[in-house]
N, C-alpha and C. Protein backbone atom coordinates (compact mmCIF):
# COMPACT_ATOMS: atom_id res chain seq x y z
N ILE A 1 132.88 50.54 97.97
CA ILE A 1 132.02 49.41 98.22
C ILE A 1 132.81 48.15 97.87
N SER A 2 132.61 47.09 98.67
CA SER A 2 133.38 45.88 98.45
C SER A 2 132.74 44.69 99.14
N GLU A 3 132.98 43.53 98.59
CA GLU A 3 132.74 42.30 99.34
C GLU A 3 133.91 42.20 100.31
N ILE A 4 133.68 41.63 101.50
CA ILE A 4 134.76 41.49 102.47
C ILE A 4 134.64 40.13 103.15
N VAL A 5 135.80 39.49 103.32
CA VAL A 5 135.86 38.19 103.98
C VAL A 5 136.90 38.27 105.07
N GLU A 6 136.53 37.86 106.28
CA GLU A 6 137.49 37.84 107.38
C GLU A 6 138.34 36.57 107.27
N ILE A 7 139.65 36.74 107.45
CA ILE A 7 140.62 35.66 107.32
C ILE A 7 141.35 35.49 108.65
N ASP A 8 141.63 34.24 109.05
CA ASP A 8 142.46 34.02 110.24
C ASP A 8 143.88 34.49 109.96
N ALA A 9 144.44 35.27 110.88
CA ALA A 9 145.79 35.78 110.70
C ALA A 9 146.40 36.06 112.06
N GLU A 10 147.71 36.18 112.08
CA GLU A 10 148.43 36.56 113.29
C GLU A 10 148.08 38.01 113.63
N ILE A 11 148.17 38.35 114.91
CA ILE A 11 147.89 39.72 115.35
C ILE A 11 148.80 40.69 114.60
N GLY A 12 148.20 41.74 114.06
CA GLY A 12 148.94 42.76 113.32
C GLY A 12 149.05 42.49 111.83
N GLU A 13 148.75 41.27 111.39
CA GLU A 13 148.79 40.92 109.97
C GLU A 13 147.43 41.22 109.33
N PRO A 14 147.40 41.42 108.01
CA PRO A 14 146.10 41.63 107.34
C PRO A 14 145.16 40.45 107.61
N ASN A 15 143.93 40.76 108.02
CA ASN A 15 142.98 39.71 108.35
C ASN A 15 141.63 39.86 107.65
N CYS A 16 141.58 40.72 106.66
CA CYS A 16 140.37 40.89 105.86
C CYS A 16 140.74 40.93 104.39
N LYS A 17 139.96 40.24 103.58
CA LYS A 17 140.17 40.26 102.13
C LYS A 17 139.05 41.09 101.51
N LEU A 18 139.44 42.14 100.79
CA LEU A 18 138.48 42.92 100.00
C LEU A 18 138.40 42.28 98.63
N ILE A 19 137.20 41.96 98.19
CA ILE A 19 136.98 41.32 96.90
C ILE A 19 136.20 42.29 96.01
N ASN A 20 136.76 42.59 94.87
CA ASN A 20 136.15 43.54 93.92
C ASN A 20 135.79 44.88 94.57
N PRO A 21 136.75 45.52 95.25
CA PRO A 21 136.42 46.83 95.82
C PRO A 21 136.26 47.88 94.73
N TYR A 22 135.27 48.72 94.90
CA TYR A 22 134.98 49.79 93.94
C TYR A 22 134.97 51.12 94.65
N LEU A 23 135.58 52.11 94.01
CA LEU A 23 135.50 53.49 94.47
C LEU A 23 134.11 54.00 94.09
N PHE A 24 133.43 54.57 95.03
CA PHE A 24 132.03 54.94 94.84
C PHE A 24 131.85 56.42 95.14
N LYS A 25 131.50 57.19 94.10
CA LYS A 25 131.17 58.60 94.30
C LYS A 25 129.66 58.78 94.26
N ASP A 26 129.02 58.19 93.26
CA ASP A 26 127.57 58.12 93.19
C ASP A 26 127.21 56.93 92.31
N ILE A 27 125.95 56.65 92.17
CA ILE A 27 125.48 55.45 91.48
C ILE A 27 126.00 55.36 90.04
N ASP A 28 126.25 56.50 89.42
CA ASP A 28 126.74 56.51 88.04
C ASP A 28 128.25 56.68 87.94
N ASP A 29 128.93 56.75 89.08
CA ASP A 29 130.37 56.96 89.08
C ASP A 29 131.03 55.96 90.04
N MET A 30 131.12 54.72 89.58
CA MET A 30 131.79 53.66 90.34
C MET A 30 132.87 53.06 89.45
N LYS A 31 134.08 52.90 90.02
CA LYS A 31 135.15 52.28 89.24
C LYS A 31 135.98 51.40 90.18
N PRO A 32 136.64 50.40 89.62
CA PRO A 32 137.46 49.51 90.46
C PRO A 32 138.49 50.32 91.24
N TRP A 33 138.62 49.98 92.53
CA TRP A 33 139.56 50.65 93.42
C TRP A 33 140.98 50.35 92.98
N LYS A 34 141.80 51.35 92.90
CA LYS A 34 143.22 51.26 92.52
C LYS A 34 143.42 50.76 91.09
N SER A 35 142.41 50.91 90.24
CA SER A 35 142.50 50.41 88.86
C SER A 35 143.56 51.14 88.03
N GLU A 36 143.98 52.32 88.49
CA GLU A 36 145.00 53.05 87.74
C GLU A 36 146.41 52.49 88.00
N ILE A 37 146.56 51.61 89.01
CA ILE A 37 147.88 51.07 89.31
C ILE A 37 147.97 49.54 89.32
N THR A 38 146.82 48.84 89.30
CA THR A 38 146.86 47.38 89.35
C THR A 38 145.62 46.77 88.71
N ASN A 39 145.76 45.53 88.27
CA ASN A 39 144.62 44.76 87.76
C ASN A 39 144.06 43.82 88.82
N GLN A 40 144.63 43.85 90.02
CA GLN A 40 144.16 42.99 91.10
C GLN A 40 142.70 43.27 91.41
N THR A 41 141.98 42.23 91.81
CA THR A 41 140.59 42.38 92.25
C THR A 41 140.40 41.96 93.70
N GLU A 42 141.49 41.51 94.35
CA GLU A 42 141.45 41.14 95.75
C GLU A 42 142.61 41.81 96.48
N PHE A 43 142.33 42.36 97.66
CA PHE A 43 143.32 43.07 98.44
C PHE A 43 143.21 42.64 99.90
N MET A 44 144.34 42.54 100.57
CA MET A 44 144.35 42.22 101.99
C MET A 44 144.49 43.52 102.78
N ILE A 45 143.78 43.59 103.92
CA ILE A 45 143.80 44.77 104.76
C ILE A 45 143.59 44.33 106.21
N ARG A 46 144.13 45.11 107.13
CA ARG A 46 143.90 44.82 108.55
C ARG A 46 142.53 45.38 108.94
N SER A 47 141.78 44.64 109.72
CA SER A 47 140.46 45.11 110.14
C SER A 47 140.56 46.43 110.90
N GLU A 48 141.69 46.66 111.57
CA GLU A 48 141.89 47.92 112.30
C GLU A 48 141.93 49.13 111.37
N ASP A 49 142.20 48.90 110.08
CA ASP A 49 142.29 49.98 109.11
C ASP A 49 140.96 50.29 108.42
N ILE A 50 139.93 49.51 108.72
CA ILE A 50 138.61 49.76 108.14
C ILE A 50 137.93 50.84 108.98
N LEU A 51 137.50 51.90 108.32
CA LEU A 51 136.90 53.02 109.05
C LEU A 51 135.39 52.91 109.21
N THR A 52 134.71 52.38 108.18
CA THR A 52 133.26 52.34 108.22
C THR A 52 132.77 51.07 107.54
N ILE A 53 131.76 50.45 108.14
CA ILE A 53 131.07 49.34 107.50
C ILE A 53 129.58 49.66 107.58
N ALA A 54 128.92 49.62 106.43
CA ALA A 54 127.49 49.91 106.36
C ALA A 54 126.86 49.07 105.27
N ASP A 55 125.57 48.82 105.40
CA ASP A 55 124.84 48.10 104.36
C ASP A 55 124.38 49.08 103.29
N PRO A 56 124.76 48.85 102.02
CA PRO A 56 124.35 49.76 100.95
C PRO A 56 122.87 49.55 100.60
N THR A 57 122.31 50.53 99.92
CA THR A 57 120.93 50.41 99.45
C THR A 57 120.84 49.35 98.35
N GLY A 58 119.65 48.89 98.08
CA GLY A 58 119.44 47.91 97.02
C GLY A 58 119.91 48.41 95.67
N THR A 59 119.71 49.69 95.39
CA THR A 59 120.13 50.27 94.12
C THR A 59 121.65 50.21 93.97
N VAL A 60 122.37 50.51 95.04
CA VAL A 60 123.83 50.46 95.01
C VAL A 60 124.29 49.02 94.82
N VAL A 61 123.69 48.09 95.54
CA VAL A 61 124.04 46.67 95.39
C VAL A 61 123.80 46.20 93.97
N ASP A 62 122.66 46.55 93.41
CA ASP A 62 122.34 46.15 92.03
C ASP A 62 123.38 46.67 91.05
N ARG A 63 123.79 47.92 91.19
CA ARG A 63 124.80 48.51 90.29
C ARG A 63 126.14 47.82 90.49
N TYR A 64 126.53 47.56 91.73
CA TYR A 64 127.78 46.88 92.04
C TYR A 64 127.80 45.49 91.42
N VAL A 65 126.72 44.74 91.58
CA VAL A 65 126.63 43.39 90.99
C VAL A 65 126.72 43.47 89.48
N GLU A 66 126.06 44.44 88.89
CA GLU A 66 126.13 44.65 87.43
C GLU A 66 127.57 44.88 86.98
N LEU A 67 128.31 45.71 87.71
CA LEU A 67 129.68 46.03 87.33
C LEU A 67 130.66 44.90 87.58
N THR A 68 130.41 44.06 88.58
CA THR A 68 131.36 43.00 88.94
C THR A 68 131.01 41.64 88.38
N SER A 69 129.92 41.53 87.68
CA SER A 69 129.52 40.23 87.11
C SER A 69 130.19 39.97 85.78
């Protein structure tokens, strides 16, 4: 789960910014994405590499906001 912002970029360059991405297994098992290798909270990615976009449930959003606030 992540906030995502589309960025203007040249074709083939990363054009989406993931902000506070979290690895999500279930509501009680969420941790910062790639936390074992970096302290970064923002990552650039190409929109072509995004596999799925969906709106999370209110419970998931509430937990995510709690963890990222």
